[in-house]
């Protein structure tokens, strides 16, 4: 069994190598820069393809710009520890939503994910029990209300644009997240 000191050195070396693969640090000693860059590009491509498969409406909405925009995001954002490409895509969408409204198909998919998962500091965690999400679809102005109760399924309601947000359990739900 390795000593604590040897284990800590190995952990630091692995963390440095991982930072180099994500483009946030130089190549570690003993590795050719070109080899690390090639491996980093391969990993970024795999990450992008996984997000495109998981979030097809997003990939379609961004079209040819998906690759460039996602790669820029991936260079600045580590892969989430939990939730895989679903969490990775959700984090990317969060960044995109700050730039302006999302296409309706993407907004619908986001609401579905937010109904089933909650965001945490390290990715997505499945929700338990009751959950509710609400969002406005920018193109049509309709509101979507999703209700999920573990073991009982989920229901979606499309409300006209002018309709007030329902009062649920004495609390007014006006945000997209529950």
N, C-alpha and C. Protein backbone atom coordinates (compact mmCIF):
# COMPACT_ATOMS: atom_id res chain seq x y z
N UNK A 1 0.85 -1.18 0.00
CA UNK A 1 0.00 0.00 0.00
C UNK A 1 0.90 1.24 0.00
N UNK A 2 0.60 2.20 -0.91
CA UNK A 2 1.46 3.38 -0.98
C UNK A 2 1.29 4.27 0.25
N UNK A 3 2.34 5.00 0.55
CA UNK A 3 2.29 5.91 1.69
C UNK A 3 1.36 7.08 1.37
N UNK A 4 0.96 7.80 2.41
CA UNK A 4 0.10 8.97 2.21
C UNK A 4 0.78 10.00 1.32
N UNK A 5 2.08 10.16 1.49
CA UNK A 5 2.81 11.14 0.68
C UNK A 5 2.80 10.75 -0.80
N UNK A 6 3.03 9.47 -1.07
CA UNK A 6 3.03 8.99 -2.45
C UNK A 6 1.63 9.12 -3.06
N UNK A 7 0.61 8.82 -2.28
CA UNK A 7 -0.75 8.93 -2.77
C UNK A 7 -1.10 10.38 -3.09
N UNK A 8 -0.69 11.32 -2.24
CA UNK A 8 -0.95 12.75 -2.48
C UNK A 8 -0.21 13.25 -3.72
N UNK A 9 1.04 12.78 -3.91
CA UNK A 9 1.78 13.17 -5.12
C UNK A 9 1.07 12.67 -6.37
N UNK A 10 0.59 11.42 -6.33
CA UNK A 10 -0.12 10.85 -7.46
C UNK A 10 -1.42 11.63 -7.72
N UNK A 11 -2.15 11.97 -6.66
CA UNK A 11 -3.39 12.75 -6.83
C UNK A 11 -3.11 14.10 -7.47
N UNK A 12 -2.04 14.77 -7.03
CA UNK A 12 -1.67 16.08 -7.61
C UNK A 12 -1.28 15.92 -9.08
N UNK A 13 -0.53 14.87 -9.40
CA UNK A 13 -0.12 14.63 -10.79
C UNK A 13 -1.34 14.35 -11.66
N UNK A 14 -2.27 13.54 -11.17
CA UNK A 14 -3.48 13.24 -11.92
C UNK A 14 -4.32 14.50 -12.13
N UNK A 15 -4.44 15.31 -11.11
CA UNK A 15 -5.21 16.56 -11.22
C UNK A 15 -4.56 17.49 -12.24
N UNK A 16 -3.22 17.57 -12.24
CA UNK A 16 -2.50 18.39 -13.21
C UNK A 16 -2.69 17.89 -14.62
N UNK A 17 -2.67 16.58 -14.79
CA UNK A 17 -2.88 15.99 -16.11
C UNK A 17 -4.30 16.27 -16.60
N UNK A 18 -5.27 16.15 -15.71
CA UNK A 18 -6.65 16.43 -16.07
C UNK A 18 -6.83 17.90 -16.46
N UNK A 19 -6.20 18.81 -15.73
CA UNK A 19 -6.28 20.23 -16.09
C UNK A 19 -5.65 20.46 -17.47
N UNK A 20 -4.57 19.75 -17.77
CA UNK A 20 -3.94 19.89 -19.09
C UNK A 20 -4.86 19.36 -20.18
N UNK A 21 -5.58 18.27 -19.90
CA UNK A 21 -6.50 17.71 -20.89
C UNK A 21 -7.69 18.63 -21.15
N UNK A 22 -8.08 19.41 -20.16
CA UNK A 22 -9.20 20.33 -20.35
C UNK A 22 -8.73 21.69 -20.84
N UNK A 23 -7.43 21.85 -21.04
CA UNK A 23 -6.90 23.09 -21.59
C UNK A 23 -6.69 24.20 -20.59
N UNK A 24 -6.81 23.90 -19.30
CA UNK A 24 -6.65 24.95 -18.30
C UNK A 24 -5.28 24.94 -17.63
N UNK A 25 -4.36 24.12 -18.12
CA UNK A 25 -3.00 24.09 -17.56
C UNK A 25 -2.05 23.57 -18.65
N UNK A 26 -0.75 23.88 -18.51
CA UNK A 26 0.22 23.36 -19.48
C UNK A 26 0.41 21.86 -19.32
N UNK A 27 1.02 21.25 -20.31
CA UNK A 27 1.30 19.82 -20.25
C UNK A 27 2.20 19.51 -19.08
N UNK A 28 1.91 18.44 -18.36
CA UNK A 28 2.77 18.08 -17.23
C UNK A 28 4.13 17.56 -17.71
N UNK A 29 5.11 17.59 -16.84
CA UNK A 29 6.44 17.08 -17.22
C UNK A 29 6.35 15.61 -17.67
N UNK A 30 7.10 15.31 -18.72
CA UNK A 30 7.14 13.94 -19.22
C UNK A 30 6.13 13.66 -20.32
N UNK A 31 5.30 14.63 -20.66
CA UNK A 31 4.29 14.45 -21.71
C UNK A 31 4.55 15.45 -22.83
N UNK A 32 4.46 14.99 -24.05
CA UNK A 32 4.61 15.87 -25.19
C UNK A 32 3.37 16.76 -25.30
N UNK A 33 3.60 18.03 -25.51
CA UNK A 33 2.50 18.99 -25.60
C UNK A 33 1.53 18.60 -26.72
N UNK A 34 2.07 18.21 -27.86
CA UNK A 34 1.20 17.86 -28.99
C UNK A 34 0.33 16.64 -28.67
N UNK A 35 0.86 15.67 -27.93
CA UNK A 35 0.08 14.50 -27.55
C UNK A 35 -1.05 14.88 -26.60
N UNK A 36 -0.76 15.74 -25.63
CA UNK A 36 -1.79 16.18 -24.68
C UNK A 36 -2.85 16.99 -25.40
N UNK A 37 -2.44 17.86 -26.33
CA UNK A 37 -3.41 18.65 -27.09
C UNK A 37 -4.30 17.77 -27.95
N UNK A 38 -3.73 16.73 -28.56
CA UNK A 38 -4.53 15.81 -29.38
C UNK A 38 -5.53 15.05 -28.51
N UNK A 39 -5.10 14.61 -27.34
CA UNK A 39 -6.01 13.91 -26.42
C UNK A 39 -7.10 14.86 -25.94
N UNK A 40 -6.73 16.11 -25.66
CA UNK A 40 -7.71 17.11 -25.20
C UNK A 40 -8.75 17.37 -26.27
N UNK A 41 -8.31 17.49 -27.52
CA UNK A 41 -9.26 17.71 -28.62
C UNK A 41 -10.19 16.53 -28.79
N UNK A 42 -9.68 15.34 -28.64
CA UNK A 42 -10.49 14.13 -28.75
C UNK A 42 -11.54 14.09 -27.64
N UNK A 43 -11.15 14.42 -26.42
CA UNK A 43 -12.09 14.43 -25.31
C UNK A 43 -13.15 15.51 -25.48
N UNK A 44 -12.75 16.69 -25.96
CA UNK A 44 -13.71 17.78 -26.18
C UNK A 44 -14.73 17.38 -27.26
N UNK A 45 -14.25 16.71 -28.30
CA UNK A 45 -15.13 16.26 -29.37
C UNK A 45 -16.13 15.22 -28.84
N UNK A 46 -15.65 14.32 -28.02
CA UNK A 46 -16.54 13.31 -27.43
C UNK A 46 -17.59 13.97 -26.54
N UNK A 47 -17.19 14.94 -25.77
CA UNK A 47 -18.10 15.67 -24.89
C UNK A 47 -19.16 16.41 -25.72
N UNK A 48 -18.74 17.07 -26.79
CA UNK A 48 -19.66 17.81 -27.66
C UNK A 48 -20.67 16.86 -28.30
N UNK A 49 -20.20 15.72 -28.82
CA UNK A 49 -21.11 14.77 -29.45
C UNK A 49 -22.13 14.22 -28.45
N UNK A 50 -21.68 13.96 -27.23
CA UNK A 50 -22.59 13.44 -26.20
C UNK A 50 -23.67 14.47 -25.86
N UNK A 51 -23.30 15.73 -25.76
CA UNK A 51 -24.29 16.78 -25.48
C UNK A 51 -25.24 16.93 -26.66
N UNK A 52 -24.74 16.87 -27.87
CA UNK A 52 -25.61 16.98 -29.06
C UNK A 52 -26.62 15.84 -29.12
N UNK A 53 -26.20 14.62 -28.73
CA UNK A 53 -27.13 13.49 -28.71
C UNK A 53 -28.16 13.64 -27.60
N UNK A 54 -27.76 14.17 -26.47
CA UNK A 54 -28.64 14.30 -25.32
C UNK A 54 -29.58 15.49 -25.45
N UNK A 55 -29.12 16.55 -26.08
CA UNK A 55 -29.91 17.78 -26.27
C UNK A 55 -30.07 18.05 -27.77
N UNK A 56 -30.77 17.20 -28.51
CA UNK A 56 -30.86 17.38 -29.96
C UNK A 56 -31.51 18.71 -30.37
N UNK A 57 -32.47 19.19 -29.60
CA UNK A 57 -33.12 20.46 -29.95
C UNK A 57 -32.12 21.62 -29.87
N UNK A 58 -31.19 21.54 -28.94
CA UNK A 58 -30.17 22.57 -28.80
C UNK A 58 -29.20 22.53 -29.98
N UNK A 59 -28.75 21.34 -30.32
CA UNK A 59 -27.81 21.20 -31.45
C UNK A 59 -28.46 21.70 -32.75
N UNK A 60 -29.74 21.37 -32.95
CA UNK A 60 -30.45 21.85 -34.15
C UNK A 60 -30.61 23.36 -34.12
N UNK A 61 -30.95 23.90 -32.96
CA UNK A 61 -31.19 25.35 -32.85
C UNK A 61 -29.92 26.15 -33.15
N UNK A 62 -28.77 25.66 -32.69
CA UNK A 62 -27.52 26.39 -32.90
C UNK A 62 -26.90 26.08 -34.26
N UNK A 63 -27.33 24.99 -34.88
CA UNK A 63 -26.85 24.64 -36.22
C UNK A 63 -25.33 24.56 -36.29
N UNK A 64 -24.76 25.20 -37.31
CA UNK A 64 -23.31 25.16 -37.51
C UNK A 64 -22.54 25.82 -36.38
N UNK A 65 -23.18 26.70 -35.62
CA UNK A 65 -22.51 27.39 -34.52
C UNK A 65 -22.39 26.56 -33.26
N UNK A 66 -23.06 25.39 -33.22
CA UNK A 66 -23.02 24.57 -32.02
C UNK A 66 -21.60 24.18 -31.64
N UNK A 67 -20.84 23.71 -32.61
CA UNK A 67 -19.49 23.23 -32.33
C UNK A 67 -18.63 24.34 -31.71
N UNK A 68 -18.58 25.48 -32.36
CA UNK A 68 -17.73 26.57 -31.88
C UNK A 68 -18.17 27.06 -30.50
N UNK A 69 -19.48 27.23 -30.32
CA UNK A 69 -19.98 27.76 -29.04
C UNK A 69 -19.79 26.75 -27.92
N UNK A 70 -20.05 25.46 -28.20
CA UNK A 70 -19.87 24.47 -27.14
C UNK A 70 -18.40 24.31 -26.80
N UNK A 71 -17.54 24.30 -27.81
CA UNK A 71 -16.11 24.15 -27.53
C UNK A 71 -15.59 25.31 -26.67
N UNK A 72 -16.06 26.52 -26.93
CA UNK A 72 -15.65 27.67 -26.10
C UNK A 72 -16.15 27.47 -24.67
N UNK A 73 -17.37 26.99 -24.52
CA UNK A 73 -17.92 26.71 -23.19
C UNK A 73 -17.09 25.63 -22.49
N UNK A 74 -16.79 24.55 -23.21
CA UNK A 74 -16.08 23.41 -22.62
C UNK A 74 -14.67 23.78 -22.18
N UNK A 75 -14.02 24.71 -22.89
CA UNK A 75 -12.68 25.13 -22.49
C UNK A 75 -12.70 25.86 -21.15
N UNK A 76 -13.81 26.48 -20.83
CA UNK A 76 -13.92 27.27 -19.60
C UNK A 76 -14.63 26.53 -18.46
N UNK A 77 -15.29 25.43 -18.79
CA UNK A 77 -16.14 24.75 -17.81
C UNK A 77 -15.78 23.28 -17.70
N UNK A 78 -15.45 22.83 -16.51
CA UNK A 78 -15.15 21.40 -16.36
C UNK A 78 -16.40 20.55 -16.52
N UNK A 79 -16.20 19.32 -16.89
CA UNK A 79 -17.30 18.37 -17.01
C UNK A 79 -17.93 18.17 -15.63
N UNK A 80 -19.26 18.25 -15.52
CA UNK A 80 -19.90 18.04 -14.21
C UNK A 80 -19.61 16.64 -13.67
N UNK A 81 -19.47 16.53 -12.37
CA UNK A 81 -19.19 15.24 -11.75
C UNK A 81 -20.42 14.33 -11.78
N UNK A 82 -21.62 14.92 -11.79
CA UNK A 82 -22.85 14.13 -11.75
C UNK A 82 -23.76 14.53 -12.91
N UNK A 83 -24.35 13.55 -13.55
CA UNK A 83 -25.35 13.83 -14.56
C UNK A 83 -24.88 13.73 -15.98
N UNK A 84 -23.59 13.51 -16.21
CA UNK A 84 -23.07 13.29 -17.55
C UNK A 84 -23.44 14.36 -18.56
N UNK A 85 -23.73 13.97 -19.81
CA UNK A 85 -24.02 14.95 -20.85
C UNK A 85 -25.31 15.73 -20.61
N UNK A 86 -26.24 15.15 -19.85
CA UNK A 86 -27.46 15.88 -19.52
C UNK A 86 -27.11 17.11 -18.67
N UNK A 87 -26.27 16.91 -17.66
CA UNK A 87 -25.84 18.03 -16.80
C UNK A 87 -24.93 18.98 -17.56
N UNK A 88 -24.06 18.45 -18.41
CA UNK A 88 -23.15 19.28 -19.19
C UNK A 88 -23.95 20.20 -20.11
N UNK A 89 -24.93 19.64 -20.80
CA UNK A 89 -25.78 20.43 -21.68
C UNK A 89 -26.61 21.44 -20.92
N UNK A 90 -27.09 21.05 -19.74
CA UNK A 90 -27.90 21.98 -18.93
C UNK A 90 -27.06 23.18 -18.50
N UNK A 91 -25.81 22.94 -18.13
CA UNK A 91 -24.91 24.05 -17.76
C UNK A 91 -24.64 24.94 -18.98
N UNK A 92 -24.47 24.36 -20.15
CA UNK A 92 -24.26 25.13 -21.37
C UNK A 92 -25.49 25.99 -21.67
N UNK A 93 -26.67 25.40 -21.51
CA UNK A 93 -27.91 26.14 -21.75
C UNK A 93 -28.06 27.30 -20.77
N UNK A 94 -27.64 27.09 -19.55
CA UNK A 94 -27.70 28.17 -18.56
C UNK A 94 -26.89 29.37 -19.04
N UNK A 95 -25.72 29.10 -19.59
CA UNK A 95 -24.89 30.17 -20.14
C UNK A 95 -25.59 30.84 -21.33
N UNK A 96 -26.14 30.04 -22.24
CA UNK A 96 -26.81 30.58 -23.41
C UNK A 96 -28.04 31.41 -23.04
N UNK A 97 -28.74 31.00 -21.98
CA UNK A 97 -29.96 31.72 -21.60
C UNK A 97 -29.66 33.13 -21.10
N UNK A 98 -28.45 33.38 -20.66
CA UNK A 98 -28.05 34.73 -20.23
C UNK A 98 -27.89 35.66 -21.43
N UNK A 99 -27.69 35.07 -22.62
CA UNK A 99 -27.50 35.86 -23.83
C UNK A 99 -28.82 36.24 -24.50
N UNK A 100 -29.89 35.56 -24.16
CA UNK A 100 -31.19 35.85 -24.75
C UNK A 100 -32.10 34.66 -24.64
N UNK A 101 -33.34 34.82 -25.12
CA UNK A 101 -34.30 33.72 -25.02
C UNK A 101 -33.87 32.50 -25.84
N UNK A 102 -34.23 31.36 -25.33
CA UNK A 102 -33.92 30.09 -26.00
C UNK A 102 -35.04 29.74 -26.97
N UNK A 103 -34.73 29.00 -28.02
CA UNK A 103 -35.80 28.52 -28.91
C UNK A 103 -36.81 27.68 -28.11
N UNK A 104 -38.04 27.66 -28.58
CA UNK A 104 -39.11 26.99 -27.86
C UNK A 104 -38.83 25.52 -27.60
N UNK A 105 -38.30 24.80 -28.58
CA UNK A 105 -38.02 23.38 -28.39
C UNK A 105 -36.99 23.16 -27.29
N UNK A 106 -36.01 24.03 -27.21
CA UNK A 106 -34.99 23.92 -26.16
C UNK A 106 -35.62 24.25 -24.81
N UNK A 107 -36.44 25.30 -24.76
CA UNK A 107 -37.11 25.67 -23.50
C UNK A 107 -37.95 24.52 -22.98
N UNK A 108 -38.65 23.83 -23.87
CA UNK A 108 -39.47 22.69 -23.44
C UNK A 108 -38.60 21.58 -22.86
N UNK A 109 -37.50 21.29 -23.52
CA UNK A 109 -36.61 20.23 -23.03
C UNK A 109 -36.00 20.62 -21.69
N UNK A 110 -35.65 21.88 -21.53
CA UNK A 110 -35.09 22.36 -20.26
C UNK A 110 -36.11 22.18 -19.14
N UNK A 111 -37.36 22.55 -19.39
CA UNK A 111 -38.39 22.39 -18.37
C UNK A 111 -38.55 20.92 -17.97
N UNK A 112 -38.51 20.02 -18.97
CA UNK A 112 -38.61 18.60 -18.67
C UNK A 112 -37.46 18.10 -17.80
N UNK A 113 -36.26 18.55 -18.10
CA UNK A 113 -35.10 18.16 -17.30
C UNK A 113 -35.21 18.75 -15.90
N UNK A 114 -35.60 20.02 -15.81
CA UNK A 114 -35.72 20.67 -14.50
C UNK A 114 -36.83 20.05 -13.66
N UNK A 115 -37.84 19.46 -14.29
CA UNK A 115 -38.90 18.80 -13.55
C UNK A 115 -38.38 17.51 -12.90
N UNK A 116 -37.46 16.83 -13.59
CA UNK A 116 -36.97 15.54 -13.12
C UNK A 116 -35.68 15.61 -12.31
N UNK A 117 -34.93 16.71 -12.47
CA UNK A 117 -33.63 16.84 -11.80
C UNK A 117 -33.50 18.22 -11.17
N UNK A 118 -32.71 18.28 -10.12
CA UNK A 118 -32.35 19.59 -9.57
C UNK A 118 -30.87 19.80 -9.82
N UNK A 119 -30.51 21.05 -10.02
CA UNK A 119 -29.11 21.37 -10.25
C UNK A 119 -28.40 21.49 -8.92
N UNK A 120 -27.19 20.98 -8.89
CA UNK A 120 -26.35 21.11 -7.69
C UNK A 120 -24.99 21.62 -8.15
N UNK A 121 -24.11 21.87 -7.22
CA UNK A 121 -22.79 22.40 -7.55
C UNK A 121 -21.97 21.48 -8.43
N UNK A 122 -22.28 20.20 -8.44
CA UNK A 122 -21.48 19.25 -9.23
C UNK A 122 -22.28 18.56 -10.32
N UNK A 123 -23.44 19.12 -10.70
CA UNK A 123 -24.19 18.53 -11.81
C UNK A 123 -25.69 18.48 -11.53
N UNK A 124 -26.30 17.37 -11.90
CA UNK A 124 -27.74 17.18 -11.73
C UNK A 124 -27.99 16.01 -10.79
N UNK A 125 -29.02 16.17 -9.96
CA UNK A 125 -29.41 15.14 -9.00
C UNK A 125 -30.89 14.85 -9.23
N UNK A 126 -31.28 13.58 -9.34
CA UNK A 126 -32.70 13.26 -9.53
C UNK A 126 -33.55 13.82 -8.38
N UNK A 127 -34.71 14.37 -8.74
CA UNK A 127 -35.63 14.87 -7.73
C UNK A 127 -36.40 13.70 -7.13
N UNK A 128 -36.79 13.88 -5.90
CA UNK A 128 -37.63 12.90 -5.22
C UNK A 128 -38.93 13.59 -4.84
N UNK A 129 -39.97 12.82 -4.74
CA UNK A 129 -41.24 13.38 -4.29
C UNK A 129 -41.88 14.28 -5.32
N UNK A 130 -42.43 15.37 -4.87
CA UNK A 130 -43.20 16.30 -5.69
C UNK A 130 -42.29 17.37 -6.29
N UNK A 131 -42.50 17.69 -7.55
CA UNK A 131 -41.78 18.82 -8.14
C UNK A 131 -42.69 19.53 -9.11
N UNK A 132 -42.40 20.80 -9.32
CA UNK A 132 -43.20 21.65 -10.18
C UNK A 132 -42.27 22.63 -10.89
N UNK A 133 -42.49 22.82 -12.18
CA UNK A 133 -41.73 23.83 -12.93
C UNK A 133 -42.72 24.66 -13.73
N UNK A 134 -42.30 25.84 -14.02
CA UNK A 134 -43.13 26.77 -14.78
C UNK A 134 -42.22 27.58 -15.68
N UNK A 135 -42.63 27.80 -16.90
CA UNK A 135 -41.84 28.63 -17.79
C UNK A 135 -42.71 29.20 -18.89
N UNK A 136 -42.25 30.30 -19.45
CA UNK A 136 -42.94 30.94 -20.56
C UNK A 136 -42.20 30.59 -21.84
N UNK A 137 -42.93 30.14 -22.84
CA UNK A 137 -42.33 29.84 -24.14
C UNK A 137 -42.30 31.15 -24.92
N UNK A 138 -41.10 31.67 -25.19
CA UNK A 138 -40.99 33.02 -25.74
C UNK A 138 -41.67 33.24 -27.09
N UNK A 139 -41.60 32.27 -27.97
CA UNK A 139 -42.15 32.47 -29.31
C UNK A 139 -43.68 32.57 -29.29
N UNK A 140 -44.32 31.68 -28.55
CA UNK A 140 -45.78 31.64 -28.54
C UNK A 140 -46.37 32.44 -27.39
N UNK A 141 -45.59 32.69 -26.35
CA UNK A 141 -46.09 33.39 -25.18
C UNK A 141 -46.84 32.48 -24.22
N UNK A 142 -47.04 31.22 -24.60
CA UNK A 142 -47.73 30.29 -23.71
C UNK A 142 -46.87 30.00 -22.49
N UNK A 143 -47.55 29.66 -21.43
CA UNK A 143 -46.87 29.21 -20.21
C UNK A 143 -47.00 27.69 -20.14
N UNK A 144 -45.96 27.06 -19.71
CA UNK A 144 -46.01 25.61 -19.47
C UNK A 144 -45.87 25.39 -17.98
N UNK A 145 -46.70 24.52 -17.47
CA UNK A 145 -46.65 24.14 -16.07
C UNK A 145 -46.48 22.64 -16.02
N UNK A 146 -45.43 22.17 -15.40
CA UNK A 146 -45.19 20.74 -15.27
C UNK A 146 -45.24 20.34 -13.81
N UNK A 147 -45.96 19.26 -13.53
CA UNK A 147 -46.09 18.75 -12.17
C UNK A 147 -45.68 17.28 -12.20
N UNK A 148 -44.85 16.91 -11.25
CA UNK A 148 -44.38 15.52 -11.18
C UNK A 148 -44.46 15.07 -9.73
N UNK A 149 -44.97 13.88 -9.56
CA UNK A 149 -45.03 13.29 -8.24
C UNK A 149 -44.51 11.87 -8.39
N UNK A 150 -43.38 11.60 -7.76
CA UNK A 150 -42.75 10.29 -7.90
C UNK A 150 -43.77 9.18 -7.64
N UNK A 151 -43.81 8.22 -8.53
CA UNK A 151 -44.73 7.11 -8.41
C UNK A 151 -46.09 7.37 -9.05
N UNK A 152 -46.37 8.64 -9.40
CA UNK A 152 -47.65 8.99 -9.99
C UNK A 152 -47.50 9.60 -11.38
N UNK A 153 -46.28 9.76 -11.85
CA UNK A 153 -46.05 10.30 -13.18
C UNK A 153 -45.98 11.81 -13.20
N UNK A 154 -46.08 12.35 -14.40
CA UNK A 154 -46.03 13.80 -14.56
C UNK A 154 -47.14 14.26 -15.47
N UNK A 155 -47.52 15.50 -15.29
CA UNK A 155 -48.56 16.12 -16.10
C UNK A 155 -48.07 17.48 -16.55
N UNK A 156 -48.43 17.85 -17.78
CA UNK A 156 -48.05 19.13 -18.35
C UNK A 156 -49.31 19.90 -18.72
N UNK A 157 -49.29 21.19 -18.44
CA UNK A 157 -50.41 22.05 -18.76
C UNK A 157 -49.89 23.24 -19.55
N UNK A 158 -50.57 23.54 -20.64
CA UNK A 158 -50.23 24.71 -21.44
C UNK A 158 -51.28 25.77 -21.14
N UNK A 159 -50.83 26.88 -20.59
CA UNK A 159 -51.73 27.95 -20.17
C UNK A 159 -51.61 29.12 -21.13
N UNK A 160 -52.72 29.78 -21.45
CA UNK A 160 -52.65 30.95 -22.32
C UNK A 160 -51.75 32.03 -21.73
N UNK A 161 -51.22 32.86 -22.60
CA UNK A 161 -50.25 33.88 -22.20
C UNK A 161 -50.78 34.80 -21.11
N UNK A 162 -52.03 35.18 -21.16
CA UNK A 162 -52.55 36.14 -20.19
C UNK A 162 -52.98 35.54 -18.87
N UNK A 163 -52.98 34.23 -18.76
CA UNK A 163 -53.48 33.58 -17.56
C UNK A 163 -52.49 33.73 -16.41
N UNK A 164 -53.02 34.02 -15.24
CA UNK A 164 -52.16 34.18 -14.05
C UNK A 164 -51.53 32.85 -13.68
N UNK A 165 -50.38 32.93 -13.05
CA UNK A 165 -49.69 31.74 -12.57
C UNK A 165 -50.50 31.15 -11.43
N UNK A 166 -50.77 29.84 -11.45
CA UNK A 166 -51.59 29.24 -10.39
C UNK A 166 -50.92 29.33 -9.03
N UNK A 167 -51.74 29.37 -8.01
CA UNK A 167 -51.25 29.33 -6.64
C UNK A 167 -51.26 27.86 -6.24
N UNK A 168 -50.11 27.37 -5.82
CA UNK A 168 -49.97 25.96 -5.45
C UNK A 168 -49.50 25.89 -4.01
N UNK A 169 -50.26 25.21 -3.19
CA UNK A 169 -49.92 25.03 -1.78
C UNK A 169 -49.62 26.37 -1.10
N UNK A 170 -50.36 27.39 -1.47
CA UNK A 170 -50.21 28.68 -0.82
C UNK A 170 -48.99 29.47 -1.28
N UNK A 171 -48.27 28.98 -2.24
CA UNK A 171 -47.07 29.68 -2.71
C UNK A 171 -47.23 30.02 -4.18
N UNK A 172 -46.86 31.19 -4.56
CA UNK A 172 -46.95 31.60 -5.96
C UNK A 172 -45.68 31.14 -6.66
N UNK A 173 -45.83 30.33 -7.68
CA UNK A 173 -44.69 29.82 -8.44
C UNK A 173 -44.53 30.69 -9.66
N UNK A 174 -43.48 31.48 -9.69
CA UNK A 174 -43.31 32.38 -10.83
C UNK A 174 -41.96 32.22 -11.51
N UNK A 175 -41.16 31.32 -11.02
CA UNK A 175 -39.86 31.14 -11.66
C UNK A 175 -39.86 29.86 -12.48
N UNK A 176 -38.84 29.70 -13.28
CA UNK A 176 -38.73 28.53 -14.13
C UNK A 176 -38.30 27.31 -13.32
N UNK A 177 -37.68 27.52 -12.19
CA UNK A 177 -37.17 26.42 -11.39
C UNK A 177 -38.01 26.24 -10.14
N UNK A 178 -38.11 25.00 -9.70
CA UNK A 178 -38.82 24.74 -8.46
C UNK A 178 -37.87 24.66 -7.30
